[in-house]
Every structure is written in structure tokens, then in C-alpha cells.
Amino acid sequence: MIRKKQVCAYETKIKAIEMKLAQVPTKEVKDVCEIKNETPIYQWMKWFKDGELHRLEQPIGKQYSYRK
């Protein structure tokens, strides 16, 4: 079975971040935003807190090519 990475839209990422900032539990955020795993939510929060919002707009695999 080939598994493909789930691609989330920028709006979905922002919605998840807003929910986490409103102290909504991660499991509920995952269910409401239809995200399969909790790990991306933690990563998006880290990028948000670090001020790296440009990473939220880039597709999978392109996060680390910024300004190279």
C-alpha cells in the first residue's frame, strides 16, 4: 500500500493554529480540520511562534528551500 502525504490548505493550517491559540484540545482540532495526525499541528504552531509564516504557504517538501 502506497501512502501519500496529506496536503493541507493554507486556510486549514491557519484555522488549526487559531483553534490551538484558543486552547482547543489537539484531538478536537485534528477532528474538526480533518487532519490525520497531530504532528503537523505541533509543527505549524512552532512555525507560527517563530514567525515563520512563509512556511505555512509552501507545499510539502518546499519548506526548507526558502531564500536559498
PDB file of N, CA and C in Angstrom:
ATOM      1  N   MET A   1       0.840  -1.183   0.000  1.00  0.00           N
ATOM      2  CA  MET A   1       0.000   0.000   0.000  1.00  0.00           C
ATOM      3  C   MET A   1       0.881   1.240   0.000  1.00  0.00           C
ATOM      4  N   ILE A   2       0.652   2.115  -0.934  1.00  0.00           N
ATOM      5  CA  ILE A   2       1.415   3.354  -1.020  1.00  0.00           C
ATOM      6  C   ILE A   2       0.655   4.444  -0.272  1.00  0.00           C
ATOM      7  N   ARG A   3       1.346   5.089   0.644  1.00  0.00           N
ATOM      8  CA  ARG A   3       0.728   6.169   1.397  1.00  0.00           C
ATOM      9  C   ARG A   3       1.240   7.504   0.883  1.00  0.00           C
ATOM     10  N   LYS A   4       0.325   8.402   0.626  1.00  0.00           N
ATOM     11  CA  LYS A   4       0.707   9.735   0.198  1.00  0.00           C
ATOM     12  C   LYS A   4       0.558  10.683   1.381  1.00  0.00           C
ATOM     13  N   LYS A   5       1.419  11.682   1.420  1.00  0.00           N
ATOM     14  CA  LYS A   5       1.318  12.671   2.473  1.00  0.00           C
ATOM     15  C   LYS A   5       0.066  13.508   2.258  1.00  0.00           C
ATOM     16  N   GLN A   6      -0.569  13.842   3.361  1.00  0.00           N
ATOM     17  CA  GLN A   6      -1.763  14.665   3.293  1.00  0.00           C
ATOM     18  C   GLN A   6      -1.340  16.119   3.077  1.00  0.00           C
ATOM     19  N   VAL A   7      -1.948  16.770   2.123  1.00  0.00           N
ATOM     20  CA  VAL A   7      -1.649  18.168   1.839  1.00  0.00           C
ATOM     21  C   VAL A   7      -2.793  19.008   2.389  1.00  0.00           C
ATOM     22  N   CYS A   8      -2.459  19.918   3.282  1.00  0.00           N
ATOM     23  CA  CYS A   8      -3.472  20.782   3.882  1.00  0.00           C
ATOM     24  C   CYS A   8      -3.374  22.176   3.283  1.00  0.00           C
ATOM     25  N   ALA A   9      -4.505  22.772   3.051  1.00  0.00           N
ATOM     26  CA  ALA A   9      -4.554  24.124   2.517  1.00  0.00           C
ATOM     27  C   ALA A   9      -4.092  25.125   3.576  1.00  0.00           C
ATOM     28  N   TYR A  10      -3.633  26.269   3.102  1.00  0.00           N
ATOM     29  CA  TYR A  10      -3.172  27.328   3.997  1.00  0.00           C
ATOM     30  C   TYR A  10      -4.274  27.705   4.990  1.00  0.00           C
ATOM     31  N   GLU A  11      -5.513  27.784   4.519  1.00  0.00           N
ATOM     32  CA  GLU A  11      -6.634  28.159   5.368  1.00  0.00           C
ATOM     33  C   GLU A  11      -6.848  27.135   6.487  1.00  0.00           C
ATOM     34  N   THR A  12      -6.648  25.863   6.183  1.00  0.00           N
ATOM     35  CA  THR A  12      -6.792  24.810   7.181  1.00  0.00           C
ATOM     36  C   THR A  12      -5.724  24.955   8.251  1.00  0.00           C
ATOM     37  N   LYS A  13      -4.502  25.259   7.829  1.00  0.00           N
ATOM     38  CA  LYS A  13      -3.404  25.434   8.784  1.00  0.00           C
ATOM     39  C   LYS A  13      -3.672  26.615   9.716  1.00  0.00           C
ATOM     40  N   ILE A  14      -4.138  27.726   9.148  1.00  0.00           N
ATOM     41  CA  ILE A  14      -4.435  28.907   9.955  1.00  0.00           C
ATOM     42  C   ILE A  14      -5.580  28.620  10.923  1.00  0.00           C
ATOM     43  N   LYS A  15      -6.601  27.893  10.461  1.00  0.00           N
ATOM     44  CA  LYS A  15      -7.728  27.539  11.324  1.00  0.00           C
ATOM     45  C   LYS A  15      -7.247  26.676  12.495  1.00  0.00           C
ATOM     46  N   ALA A  16      -6.372  25.717  12.220  1.00  0.00           N
ATOM     47  CA  ALA A  16      -5.834  24.854  13.279  1.00  0.00           C
ATOM     48  C   ALA A  16      -5.038  25.678  14.285  1.00  0.00           C
ATOM     49  N   ILE A  17      -4.233  26.620  13.805  1.00  0.00           N
ATOM     50  CA  ILE A  17      -3.441  27.473  14.698  1.00  0.00           C
ATOM     51  C   ILE A  17      -4.359  28.325  15.563  1.00  0.00           C
ATOM     52  N   GLU A  18      -5.392  28.920  14.965  1.00  0.00           N
ATOM     53  CA  GLU A  18      -6.332  29.742  15.722  1.00  0.00           C
ATOM     54  C   GLU A  18      -7.041  28.929  16.800  1.00  0.00           C
ATOM     55  N   MET A  19      -7.408  27.696  16.468  1.00  0.00           N
ATOM     56  CA  MET A  19      -8.068  26.837  17.444  1.00  0.00           C
ATOM     57  C   MET A  19      -7.124  26.501  18.596  1.00  0.00           C
ATOM     58  N   LYS A  20      -5.867  26.209  18.282  1.00  0.00           N
ATOM     59  CA  LYS A  20      -4.892  25.903  19.334  1.00  0.00           C
ATOM     60  C   LYS A  20      -4.641  27.114  20.225  1.00  0.00           C
ATOM     61  N   LEU A  21      -4.608  28.310  19.624  1.00  0.00           N
ATOM     62  CA  LEU A  21      -4.425  29.530  20.415  1.00  0.00           C
ATOM     63  C   LEU A  21      -5.624  29.782  21.327  1.00  0.00           C
ATOM     64  N   ALA A  22      -6.792  29.266  20.944  1.00  0.00           N
ATOM     65  CA  ALA A  22      -7.998  29.393  21.754  1.00  0.00           C
ATOM     66  C   ALA A  22      -8.110  28.247  22.770  1.00  0.00           C
ATOM     67  N   GLN A  23      -7.017  27.509  22.969  1.00  0.00           N
ATOM     68  CA  GLN A  23      -6.928  26.425  23.956  1.00  0.00           C
ATOM     69  C   GLN A  23      -7.832  25.228  23.640  1.00  0.00           C
ATOM     70  N   VAL A  24      -8.134  25.009  22.365  1.00  0.00           N
ATOM     71  CA  VAL A  24      -8.906  23.833  21.954  1.00  0.00           C
ATOM     72  C   VAL A  24      -7.956  22.632  21.981  1.00  0.00           C
ATOM     73  N   PRO A  25      -8.382  21.496  22.536  1.00  0.00           N
ATOM     74  CA  PRO A  25      -7.523  20.312  22.571  1.00  0.00           C
ATOM     75  C   PRO A  25      -7.089  19.865  21.168  1.00  0.00           C
ATOM     76  N   THR A  26      -5.878  19.350  21.068  1.00  0.00           N
ATOM     77  CA  THR A  26      -5.306  18.953  19.781  1.00  0.00           C
ATOM     78  C   THR A  26      -6.164  17.894  19.089  1.00  0.00           C
ATOM     79  N   LYS A  27      -6.706  16.959  19.849  1.00  0.00           N
ATOM     80  CA  LYS A  27      -7.545  15.917  19.241  1.00  0.00           C
ATOM     81  C   LYS A  27      -8.767  16.529  18.566  1.00  0.00           C
ATOM     82  N   GLU A  28      -9.373  17.517  19.204  1.00  0.00           N
ATOM     83  CA  GLU A  28     -10.541  18.178  18.620  1.00  0.00           C
ATOM     84  C   GLU A  28     -10.155  18.976  17.368  1.00  0.00           C
ATOM     85  N   VAL A  29      -9.006  19.641  17.417  1.00  0.00           N
ATOM     86  CA  VAL A  29      -8.510  20.381  16.246  1.00  0.00           C
ATOM     87  C   VAL A  29      -8.316  19.417  15.086  1.00  0.00           C
ATOM     88  N   LYS A  30      -7.714  18.267  15.393  1.00  0.00           N
ATOM     89  CA  LYS A  30      -7.457  17.244  14.375  1.00  0.00           C
ATOM     90  C   LYS A  30      -8.765  16.766  13.743  1.00  0.00           C
ATOM     91  N   ASP A  31      -9.772  16.553  14.551  1.00  0.00           N
ATOM     92  CA  ASP A  31     -11.056  16.072  14.048  1.00  0.00           C
ATOM     93  C   ASP A  31     -11.795  17.140  13.239  1.00  0.00           C
ATOM     94  N   VAL A  32     -11.827  18.368  13.733  1.00  0.00           N
ATOM     95  CA  VAL A  32     -12.552  19.449  13.057  1.00  0.00           C
ATOM     96  C   VAL A  32     -11.895  19.791  11.719  1.00  0.00           C
ATOM     97  N   CYS A  33     -10.565  19.855  11.698  1.00  0.00           N
ATOM     98  CA  CYS A  33      -9.840  20.224  10.470  1.00  0.00           C
ATOM     99  C   CYS A  33      -9.574  19.027   9.563  1.00  0.00           C
ATOM    100  N   GLU A  34     -10.001  17.837   9.989  1.00  0.00           N
ATOM    101  CA  GLU A  34      -9.824  16.599   9.221  1.00  0.00           C
ATOM    102  C   GLU A  34      -8.355  16.334   8.896  1.00  0.00           C
ATOM    103  N   ILE A  35      -7.527  16.413   9.932  1.00  0.00           N
ATOM    104  CA  ILE A  35      -6.098  16.140   9.805  1.00  0.00           C
ATOM    105  C   ILE A  35      -5.862  14.750  10.388  1.00  0.00           C
ATOM    106  N   LYS A  36      -5.099  13.923   9.682  1.00  0.00           N
ATOM    107  CA  LYS A  36      -4.912  12.532  10.086  1.00  0.00           C
ATOM    108  C   LYS A  36      -4.015  12.369  11.303  1.00  0.00           C
ATOM    109  N   ASN A  37      -3.043  13.262  11.483  1.00  0.00           N
ATOM    110  CA  ASN A  37      -2.039  13.105  12.519  1.00  0.00           C
ATOM    111  C   ASN A  37      -1.898  14.409  13.295  1.00  0.00           C
ATOM    112  N   GLU A  38      -1.476  14.332  14.546  1.00  0.00           N
ATOM    113  CA  GLU A  38      -1.306  15.526  15.373  1.00  0.00           C
ATOM    114  C   GLU A  38       0.024  16.232  15.123  1.00  0.00           C
ATOM    115  N   THR A  39       1.005  15.542  14.586  1.00  0.00           N
ATOM    116  CA  THR A  39       2.347  16.092  14.410  1.00  0.00           C
ATOM    117  C   THR A  39       2.377  17.383  13.589  1.00  0.00           C
ATOM    118  N   PRO A  40       1.676  17.469  12.451  1.00  0.00           N
ATOM    119  CA  PRO A  40       1.718  18.719  11.689  1.00  0.00           C
ATOM    120  C   PRO A  40       1.200  19.920  12.480  1.00  0.00           C
ATOM    121  N   ILE A  41       0.221  19.699  13.347  1.00  0.00           N
ATOM    122  CA  ILE A  41      -0.329  20.793  14.138  1.00  0.00           C
ATOM    123  C   ILE A  41       0.758  21.383  15.037  1.00  0.00           C
ATOM    124  N   TYR A  42       1.534  20.515  15.666  1.00  0.00           N
ATOM    125  CA  TYR A  42       2.630  20.989  16.528  1.00  0.00           C
ATOM    126  C   TYR A  42       3.678  21.734  15.698  1.00  0.00           C
ATOM    127  N   GLN A  43       3.960  21.244  14.499  1.00  0.00           N
ATOM    128  CA  GLN A  43       4.945  21.891  13.628  1.00  0.00           C
ATOM    129  C   GLN A  43       4.457  23.265  13.182  1.00  0.00           C
ATOM    130  N   TRP A  44       3.180  23.341  12.808  1.00  0.00           N
ATOM    131  CA  TRP A  44       2.623  24.633  12.392  1.00  0.00           C
ATOM    132  C   TRP A  44       2.653  25.630  13.538  1.00  0.00           C
ATOM    133  N   MET A  45       2.369  25.169  14.762  1.00  0.00           N
ATOM    134  CA  MET A  45       2.414  26.059  15.931  1.00  0.00           C
ATOM    135  C   MET A  45       3.835  26.560  16.162  1.00  0.00           C
ATOM    136  N   LYS A  46       4.810  25.693  15.983  1.00  0.00           N
ATOM    137  CA  LYS A  46       6.211  26.093  16.155  1.00  0.00           C
ATOM    138  C   LYS A  46       6.574  27.167  15.136  1.00  0.00           C
ATOM    139  N   TRP A  47       6.205  26.950  13.880  1.00  0.00           N
ATOM    140  CA  TRP A  47       6.496  27.936  12.837  1.00  0.00           C
ATOM    141  C   TRP A  47       5.793  29.258  13.129  1.00  0.00           C
ATOM    142  N   PHE A  48       4.540  29.182  13.608  1.00  0.00           N
ATOM    143  CA  PHE A  48       3.782  30.387  13.925  1.00  0.00           C
ATOM    144  C   PHE A  48       4.461  31.168  15.046  1.00  0.00           C
ATOM    145  N   LYS A  49       4.857  30.462  16.109  1.00  0.00           N
ATOM    146  CA  LYS A  49       5.506  31.117  17.249  1.00  0.00           C
ATOM    147  C   LYS A  49       6.869  31.688  16.882  1.00  0.00           C
ATOM    148  N   ASP A  50       7.555  31.042  15.927  1.00  0.00           N
ATOM    149  CA  ASP A  50       8.874  31.514  15.485  1.00  0.00           C
ATOM    150  C   ASP A  50       8.767  32.607  14.421  1.00  0.00           C
ATOM    151  N   GLY A  51       7.543  32.938  13.999  1.00  0.00           N
ATOM    152  CA  GLY A  51       7.337  33.972  12.989  1.00  0.00           C
ATOM    153  C   GLY A  51       7.670  33.523  11.574  1.00  0.00           C
ATOM    154  N   GLU A  52       7.657  32.226  11.337  1.00  0.00           N
ATOM    155  CA  GLU A  52       7.992  31.670  10.018  1.00  0.00           C
ATOM    156  C   GLU A  52       6.708  31.338   9.249  1.00  0.00           C
ATOM    157  N   LEU A  53       5.864  32.338   9.062  1.00  0.00           N
ATOM    158  CA  LEU A  53       4.567  32.125   8.409  1.00  0.00           C
ATOM    159  C   LEU A  53       4.702  31.747   6.942  1.00  0.00           C
ATOM    160  N   HIS A  54       5.825  32.092   6.318  1.00  0.00           N
ATOM    161  CA  HIS A  54       6.023  31.727   4.910  1.00  0.00           C
ATOM    162  C   HIS A  54       6.023  30.207   4.725  1.00  0.00           C
ATOM    163  N   ARG A  55       6.411  29.479   5.760  1.00  0.00           N
ATOM    164  CA  ARG A  55       6.437  28.016   5.661  1.00  0.00           C
ATOM    165  C   ARG A  55       5.039  27.417   5.560  1.00  0.00           C
ATOM    166  N   LEU A  56       4.051  28.099   6.105  1.00  0.00           N
ATOM    167  CA  LEU A  56       2.678  27.595   6.043  1.00  0.00           C
ATOM    168  C   LEU A  56       2.124  27.628   4.628  1.00  0.00           C
ATOM    169  N   GLU A  57       2.634  28.522   3.802  1.00  0.00           N
ATOM    170  CA  GLU A  57       2.130  28.677   2.439  1.00  0.00           C
ATOM    171  C   GLU A  57       2.808  27.735   1.449  1.00  0.00           C
ATOM    172  N   GLN A  58       3.936  27.164   1.823  1.00  0.00           N
ATOM    173  CA  GLN A  58       4.692  26.327   0.895  1.00  0.00           C
ATOM    174  C   GLN A  58       4.199  24.889   0.935  1.00  0.00           C
ATOM    175  N   PRO A  59       4.190  24.206  -0.214  1.00  0.00           N
ATOM    176  CA  PRO A  59       3.763  22.803  -0.251  1.00  0.00           C
ATOM    177  C   PRO A  59       4.794  21.889   0.421  1.00  0.00           C
ATOM    178  N   ILE A  60       4.405  20.650   0.624  1.00  0.00           N
ATOM    179  CA  ILE A  60       5.278  19.663   1.248  1.00  0.00           C
ATOM    180  C   ILE A  60       6.575  19.536   0.457  1.00  0.00           C
ATOM    181  N   GLY A  61       7.684  19.499   1.171  1.00  0.00           N
ATOM    182  CA  GLY A  61       8.985  19.326   0.534  1.00  0.00           C
ATOM    183  C   GLY A  61       9.634  20.622   0.133  1.00  0.00           C
ATOM    184  N   LYS A  62       8.930  21.740   0.242  1.00  0.00           N
ATOM    185  CA  LYS A  62       9.486  23.027  -0.167  1.00  0.00           C
ATOM    186  C   LYS A  62       9.799  23.935   1.028  1.00  0.00           C
ATOM    187  N   GLN A  63       9.525  23.492   2.236  1.00  0.00           N
ATOM    188  CA  GLN A  63       9.692  24.340   3.413  1.00  0.00           C
ATOM    189  C   GLN A  63      11.123  24.813   3.598  1.00  0.00           C
ATOM    190  N   TYR A  64      12.094  23.997   3.227  1.00  0.00           N
ATOM    191  CA  TYR A  64      13.480  24.318   3.540  1.00  0.00           C
ATOM    192  C   TYR A  64      14.212  24.968   2.370  1.00  0.00           C
ATOM    193  N   SER A  65      13.518  25.261   1.281  1.00  0.00           N
ATOM    194  CA  SER A  65      14.170  25.887   0.135  1.00  0.00           C
ATOM    195  C   SER A  65      13.959  27.398   0.132  1.00  0.00           C
ATOM    196  N   TYR A  66      13.409  27.945   1.190  1.00  0.00           N
ATOM    197  CA  TYR A  66      13.124  29.369   1.269  1.00  0.00           C
ATOM    198  C   TYR A  66      14.420  30.166   1.326  1.00  0.00           C
ATOM    199  N   ARG A  67      14.562  31.128   0.440  1.00  0.00           N
ATOM    200  CA  ARG A  67      15.706  32.055   0.373  1.00  0.00           C
ATOM    201  C   ARG A  67      17.046  31.360   0.165  1.00  0.00           C
ATOM    202  N   LYS A  68      17.081  30.283  -0.589  1.00  0.00           N
ATOM    203  CA  LYS A  68      18.361  29.629  -0.879  1.00  0.00           C
ATOM    204  C   LYS A  68      18.856  30.045  -2.223  1.00  0.00           C
TER     205      LYS A  68
END
